[in-house]
Amino acid sequence: MTNQTPLDRLDRIEEMLAVLITHTDATDRRINQLTENQLLLQQDISLLVHRVDRLGDRVDQVATTIEAIGQQAEQDRSQAAIDRAEFRSTVQQILEALQASFGGNGHSGS
């Protein structure tokens, strides 16, 4: 056994407490830094969620626009088919009228 005086023991305890305080301070600083980082990450996540929501809204708008364009294109195709049929009918009527006027041989009967 060593011959330590109570004063030596007190000095040793003070040294250990000083080391503990240093470690505690460092740990507190690290916890504060981690807390700040967590807050920043939460803000970034909130911003990202907001942007994803806006992107989702825009995608919905684009999908609606594409659907409307597709419907309009289908209507345009249908109308074009009707217009072609009417044009053919009109051309056929003109052809028949001309054939009737010229006796079907392409020359005037006079």
N, C-alpha and C. Protein backbone atom coordinates (compact mmCIF):
# COMPACT_ATOMS: atom_id res chain seq x y z
N MET A 1 0.82 -1.17 0.00
CA MET A 1 0.00 0.00 0.00
C MET A 1 0.87 1.25 0.00
N THR A 2 0.41 2.25 -0.68
CA THR A 2 1.20 3.48 -0.75
C THR A 2 0.79 4.39 0.39
N ASN A 3 1.68 5.21 0.69
CA ASN A 3 1.42 6.18 1.75
C ASN A 3 0.94 7.48 1.12
N GLN A 4 -0.33 7.52 0.79
CA GLN A 4 -0.89 8.76 0.23
C GLN A 4 -1.58 9.51 1.34
N THR A 5 -1.39 10.75 1.29
CA THR A 5 -2.07 11.59 2.27
C THR A 5 -3.43 11.95 1.73
N PRO A 6 -4.32 12.36 2.60
CA PRO A 6 -5.63 12.80 2.11
C PRO A 6 -5.52 13.92 1.09
N LEU A 7 -4.49 14.74 1.22
CA LEU A 7 -4.30 15.82 0.25
C LEU A 7 -3.94 15.28 -1.12
N ASP A 8 -3.11 14.23 -1.17
CA ASP A 8 -2.76 13.60 -2.44
C ASP A 8 -4.00 12.98 -3.08
N ARG A 9 -4.81 12.36 -2.27
CA ARG A 9 -6.05 11.77 -2.79
C ARG A 9 -6.98 12.85 -3.32
N LEU A 10 -7.07 13.96 -2.63
CA LEU A 10 -7.91 15.07 -3.06
C LEU A 10 -7.41 15.63 -4.39
N ASP A 11 -6.08 15.75 -4.51
CA ASP A 11 -5.51 16.22 -5.78
C ASP A 11 -5.86 15.27 -6.92
N ARG A 12 -5.75 13.98 -6.63
CA ARG A 12 -6.07 12.96 -7.65
C ARG A 12 -7.54 13.04 -8.05
N ILE A 13 -8.43 13.21 -7.09
CA ILE A 13 -9.87 13.34 -7.38
C ILE A 13 -10.13 14.61 -8.20
N GLU A 14 -9.47 15.69 -7.87
CA GLU A 14 -9.63 16.95 -8.61
C GLU A 14 -9.17 16.78 -10.06
N GLU A 15 -8.07 16.05 -10.27
CA GLU A 15 -7.57 15.80 -11.62
C GLU A 15 -8.60 14.98 -12.41
N MET A 16 -9.15 13.96 -11.74
CA MET A 16 -10.15 13.12 -12.42
C MET A 16 -11.40 13.94 -12.74
N LEU A 17 -11.81 14.79 -11.83
CA LEU A 17 -12.97 15.65 -12.07
C LEU A 17 -12.70 16.62 -13.22
N ALA A 18 -11.51 17.15 -13.28
CA ALA A 18 -11.14 18.07 -14.37
C ALA A 18 -11.21 17.35 -15.71
N VAL A 19 -10.73 16.10 -15.75
CA VAL A 19 -10.80 15.32 -16.98
C VAL A 19 -12.25 15.04 -17.34
N LEU A 20 -13.06 14.69 -16.34
CA LEU A 20 -14.48 14.44 -16.59
C LEU A 20 -15.20 15.69 -17.11
N ILE A 21 -14.87 16.82 -16.52
CA ILE A 21 -15.48 18.08 -16.96
C ILE A 21 -15.09 18.39 -18.40
N THR A 22 -13.83 18.16 -18.74
CA THR A 22 -13.36 18.38 -20.11
C THR A 22 -14.12 17.48 -21.09
N HIS A 23 -14.26 16.22 -20.74
CA HIS A 23 -15.00 15.29 -21.59
C HIS A 23 -16.48 15.67 -21.68
N THR A 24 -17.03 16.10 -20.55
CA THR A 24 -18.43 16.51 -20.53
C THR A 24 -18.64 17.72 -21.42
N ASP A 25 -17.75 18.69 -21.34
CA ASP A 25 -17.85 19.88 -22.19
C ASP A 25 -17.76 19.51 -23.67
N ALA A 26 -16.83 18.65 -23.99
CA ALA A 26 -16.67 18.21 -25.38
C ALA A 26 -17.92 17.47 -25.85
N THR A 27 -18.46 16.64 -24.98
CA THR A 27 -19.68 15.90 -25.32
C THR A 27 -20.85 16.85 -25.51
N ASP A 28 -20.96 17.85 -24.64
CA ASP A 28 -22.03 18.85 -24.76
C ASP A 28 -21.93 19.61 -26.09
N ARG A 29 -20.70 19.99 -26.44
CA ARG A 29 -20.50 20.70 -27.72
C ARG A 29 -20.92 19.80 -28.89
N ARG A 30 -20.55 18.54 -28.83
CA ARG A 30 -20.89 17.60 -29.91
C ARG A 30 -22.41 17.40 -29.98
N ILE A 31 -23.05 17.29 -28.83
CA ILE A 31 -24.52 17.14 -28.81
C ILE A 31 -25.17 18.39 -29.38
N ASN A 32 -24.67 19.56 -29.02
CA ASN A 32 -25.22 20.80 -29.57
C ASN A 32 -25.04 20.86 -31.08
N GLN A 33 -23.88 20.44 -31.55
CA GLN A 33 -23.63 20.42 -32.98
C GLN A 33 -24.56 19.43 -33.69
N LEU A 34 -24.75 18.27 -33.10
CA LEU A 34 -25.66 17.27 -33.68
C LEU A 34 -27.10 17.78 -33.68
N THR A 35 -27.48 18.49 -32.63
CA THR A 35 -28.83 19.06 -32.57
C THR A 35 -29.03 20.09 -33.67
N GLU A 36 -28.02 20.94 -33.88
CA GLU A 36 -28.09 21.92 -34.97
C GLU A 36 -28.20 21.21 -36.32
N ASN A 37 -27.39 20.19 -36.51
CA ASN A 37 -27.43 19.43 -37.76
C ASN A 37 -28.80 18.80 -37.97
N GLN A 38 -29.36 18.27 -36.89
CA GLN A 38 -30.68 17.65 -36.98
C GLN A 38 -31.73 18.68 -37.39
N LEU A 39 -31.67 19.87 -36.81
CA LEU A 39 -32.61 20.92 -37.17
C LEU A 39 -32.47 21.31 -38.64
N LEU A 40 -31.22 21.43 -39.09
CA LEU A 40 -30.99 21.76 -40.50
C LEU A 40 -31.52 20.66 -41.41
N LEU A 41 -31.29 19.42 -41.01
CA LEU A 41 -31.79 18.30 -41.82
C LEU A 41 -33.32 18.30 -41.85
N GLN A 42 -33.95 18.60 -40.73
CA GLN A 42 -35.41 18.65 -40.69
C GLN A 42 -35.93 19.76 -41.60
N GLN A 43 -35.25 20.90 -41.62
CA GLN A 43 -35.64 21.98 -42.51
C GLN A 43 -35.48 21.56 -43.97
N ASP A 44 -34.35 20.91 -44.26
CA ASP A 44 -34.12 20.44 -45.63
C ASP A 44 -35.18 19.42 -46.05
N ILE A 45 -35.52 18.52 -45.14
CA ILE A 45 -36.54 17.52 -45.44
C ILE A 45 -37.89 18.19 -45.67
N SER A 46 -38.23 19.16 -44.85
CA SER A 46 -39.50 19.88 -45.03
C SER A 46 -39.53 20.58 -46.39
N LEU A 47 -38.43 21.21 -46.75
CA LEU A 47 -38.34 21.87 -48.04
C LEU A 47 -38.46 20.86 -49.18
N LEU A 48 -37.79 19.74 -49.02
CA LEU A 48 -37.85 18.69 -50.03
C LEU A 48 -39.26 18.14 -50.17
N VAL A 49 -39.93 17.91 -49.06
CA VAL A 49 -41.32 17.42 -49.10
C VAL A 49 -42.20 18.43 -49.82
N HIS A 50 -42.01 19.71 -49.53
CA HIS A 50 -42.78 20.76 -50.20
C HIS A 50 -42.52 20.73 -51.71
N ARG A 51 -41.27 20.59 -52.08
CA ARG A 51 -40.92 20.56 -53.51
C ARG A 51 -41.49 19.32 -54.19
N VAL A 52 -41.47 18.19 -53.50
CA VAL A 52 -42.04 16.97 -54.07
C VAL A 52 -43.55 17.14 -54.25
N ASP A 53 -44.20 17.76 -53.28
CA ASP A 53 -45.64 18.02 -53.40
C ASP A 53 -45.92 18.91 -54.61
N ARG A 54 -45.13 19.97 -54.77
CA ARG A 54 -45.31 20.86 -55.92
C ARG A 54 -45.06 20.11 -57.23
N LEU A 55 -44.03 19.27 -57.23
CA LEU A 55 -43.72 18.47 -58.42
C LEU A 55 -44.88 17.54 -58.74
N GLY A 56 -45.45 16.93 -57.71
CA GLY A 56 -46.61 16.07 -57.91
C GLY A 56 -47.77 16.83 -58.51
N ASP A 57 -48.00 18.06 -58.03
CA ASP A 57 -49.06 18.89 -58.60
C ASP A 57 -48.79 19.19 -60.07
N ARG A 58 -47.54 19.49 -60.37
CA ARG A 58 -47.19 19.80 -61.77
C ARG A 58 -47.35 18.57 -62.66
N VAL A 59 -46.97 17.42 -62.15
CA VAL A 59 -47.15 16.18 -62.91
C VAL A 59 -48.64 15.94 -63.18
N ASP A 60 -49.46 16.18 -62.16
CA ASP A 60 -50.91 16.03 -62.34
C ASP A 60 -51.42 16.99 -63.42
N GLN A 61 -50.93 18.23 -63.40
CA GLN A 61 -51.34 19.21 -64.41
C GLN A 61 -50.91 18.77 -65.81
N VAL A 62 -49.68 18.29 -65.92
CA VAL A 62 -49.19 17.82 -67.22
C VAL A 62 -50.01 16.64 -67.70
N ALA A 63 -50.33 15.72 -66.80
CA ALA A 63 -51.13 14.55 -67.17
C ALA A 63 -52.51 14.99 -67.66
N THR A 64 -53.10 15.96 -66.98
CA THR A 64 -54.41 16.47 -67.39
C THR A 64 -54.31 17.14 -68.76
N THR A 65 -53.26 17.91 -68.97
CA THR A 65 -53.05 18.57 -70.26
C THR A 65 -52.86 17.55 -71.37
N ILE A 66 -52.06 16.54 -71.10
CA ILE A 66 -51.82 15.51 -72.12
C ILE A 66 -53.12 14.78 -72.44
N GLU A 67 -53.91 14.50 -71.42
CA GLU A 67 -55.19 13.84 -71.65
C GLU A 67 -56.10 14.71 -72.51
N ALA A 68 -56.15 16.01 -72.21
CA ALA A 68 -56.97 16.93 -72.99
C ALA A 68 -56.47 17.01 -74.43
N ILE A 69 -55.15 17.04 -74.61
CA ILE A 69 -54.59 17.08 -75.97
C ILE A 69 -54.93 15.79 -76.71
N GLY A 70 -54.85 14.67 -76.02
CA GLY A 70 -55.21 13.39 -76.65
C GLY A 70 -56.67 13.36 -77.07
N GLN A 71 -57.54 13.87 -76.21
CA GLN A 71 -58.97 13.93 -76.56
C GLN A 71 -59.20 14.85 -77.75
N GLN A 72 -58.52 16.00 -77.75
CA GLN A 72 -58.66 16.94 -78.87
C GLN A 72 -58.14 16.32 -80.15
N ALA A 73 -57.03 15.60 -80.07
CA ALA A 73 -56.48 14.94 -81.26
C ALA A 73 -57.46 13.90 -81.80
N GLU A 74 -58.11 13.17 -80.90
CA GLU A 74 -59.10 12.18 -81.33
C GLU A 74 -60.29 12.87 -82.02
N GLN A 75 -60.72 13.99 -81.45
CA GLN A 75 -61.81 14.74 -82.07
C GLN A 75 -61.37 15.28 -83.43
N ASP A 76 -60.14 15.77 -83.51
CA ASP A 76 -59.62 16.29 -84.77
C ASP A 76 -59.55 15.18 -85.83
N ARG A 77 -59.11 13.98 -85.43
CA ARG A 77 -59.06 12.86 -86.38
C ARG A 77 -60.47 12.49 -86.86
N SER A 78 -61.40 12.48 -85.93
CA SER A 78 -62.79 12.15 -86.30
C SER A 78 -63.34 13.21 -87.26
N GLN A 79 -63.09 14.48 -86.94
CA GLN A 79 -63.58 15.55 -87.80
C GLN A 79 -62.90 15.50 -89.16
N ALA A 80 -61.62 15.17 -89.19
CA ALA A 80 -60.90 15.06 -90.46
C ALA A 80 -61.50 13.94 -91.31
N ALA A 81 -61.86 12.84 -90.68
CA ALA A 81 -62.48 11.74 -91.43
C ALA A 81 -63.83 12.17 -92.00
N ILE A 82 -64.59 12.90 -91.20
CA ILE A 82 -65.88 13.43 -91.67
C ILE A 82 -65.66 14.40 -92.83
N ASP A 83 -64.69 15.30 -92.67
CA ASP A 83 -64.40 16.28 -93.72
C ASP A 83 -63.96 15.59 -95.01
N ARG A 84 -63.12 14.55 -94.90
CA ARG A 84 -62.69 13.82 -96.09
C ARG A 84 -63.88 13.16 -96.79
N ALA A 85 -64.75 12.56 -95.99
CA ALA A 85 -65.94 11.91 -96.57
C ALA A 85 -66.83 12.95 -97.26
N GLU A 86 -67.02 14.09 -96.64
CA GLU A 86 -67.83 15.16 -97.25
C GLU A 86 -67.16 15.66 -98.53
N PHE A 87 -65.82 15.82 -98.50
CA PHE A 87 -65.11 16.30 -99.67
C PHE A 87 -65.25 15.29 -100.82
N ARG A 88 -65.07 14.00 -100.51
CA ARG A 88 -65.23 12.98 -101.54
C ARG A 88 -66.64 13.02 -102.13
N SER A 89 -67.63 13.18 -101.26
CA SER A 89 -69.02 13.24 -101.71
C SER A 89 -69.24 14.45 -102.62
N THR A 90 -68.68 15.58 -102.22
CA THR A 90 -68.83 16.80 -103.02
C THR A 90 -68.14 16.63 -104.37
N VAL A 91 -66.93 16.07 -104.36
CA VAL A 91 -66.21 15.83 -105.62
C VAL A 91 -67.01 14.87 -106.50
N GLN A 92 -67.53 13.84 -105.89
CA GLN A 92 -68.34 12.87 -106.65
C GLN A 92 -69.57 13.56 -107.26
N GLN A 93 -70.24 14.43 -106.51
CA GLN A 93 -71.41 15.15 -107.02
C GLN A 93 -71.02 16.06 -108.18
N ILE A 94 -69.87 16.76 -108.02
CA ILE A 94 -69.41 17.64 -109.10
C ILE A 94 -69.09 16.81 -110.34
N LEU A 95 -68.41 15.69 -110.16
CA LEU A 95 -68.07 14.80 -111.26
C LEU A 95 -69.34 14.31 -111.97
N GLU A 96 -70.30 13.89 -111.19
CA GLU A 96 -71.56 13.41 -111.78
C GLU A 96 -72.29 14.53 -112.52
N ALA A 97 -72.28 15.74 -111.95
CA ALA A 97 -72.94 16.88 -112.61
C ALA A 97 -72.22 17.21 -113.91
N LEU A 98 -70.88 17.16 -113.91
CA LEU A 98 -70.13 17.43 -115.14
C LEU A 98 -70.38 16.35 -116.19
N GLN A 99 -70.43 15.11 -115.74
CA GLN A 99 -70.69 14.03 -116.68
C GLN A 99 -72.10 14.17 -117.28
N ALA A 100 -73.04 14.57 -116.45
CA ALA A 100 -74.40 14.75 -116.96
C ALA A 100 -74.45 15.91 -117.94
N SER A 101 -73.70 16.98 -117.66
CA SER A 101 -73.70 18.15 -118.54
C SER A 101 -73.03 17.86 -119.87
N PHE A 102 -71.99 17.03 -119.85
CA PHE A 102 -71.24 16.80 -121.08
C PHE A 102 -71.51 15.43 -121.68
N GLY A 103 -72.54 14.80 -121.21
CA GLY A 103 -72.94 13.52 -121.80
C GLY A 103 -72.01 12.39 -121.49
N GLY A 104 -71.17 12.53 -120.51
CA GLY A 104 -70.32 11.44 -120.06
C GLY A 104 -69.08 11.23 -120.91
N ASN A 105 -68.87 11.97 -122.02
CA ASN A 105 -67.69 11.73 -122.83
C ASN A 105 -66.63 12.84 -122.68
N GLY A 106 -66.91 13.75 -121.83
CA GLY A 106 -65.92 14.79 -121.59
C GLY A 106 -66.01 15.92 -122.61
N HIS A 107 -66.96 15.86 -123.58
CA HIS A 107 -67.13 16.90 -124.57
C HIS A 107 -68.55 17.42 -124.53
N SER A 108 -68.72 18.66 -124.89
CA SER A 108 -70.06 19.25 -124.92
C SER A 108 -70.84 18.65 -126.08
N GLY A 109 -72.14 18.37 -125.84
CA GLY A 109 -72.99 17.78 -126.86
C GLY A 109 -73.36 18.75 -127.97
N SER A 110 -72.97 19.96 -127.98
CA SER A 110 -73.36 20.92 -129.00
C SER A 110 -72.59 20.79 -130.25
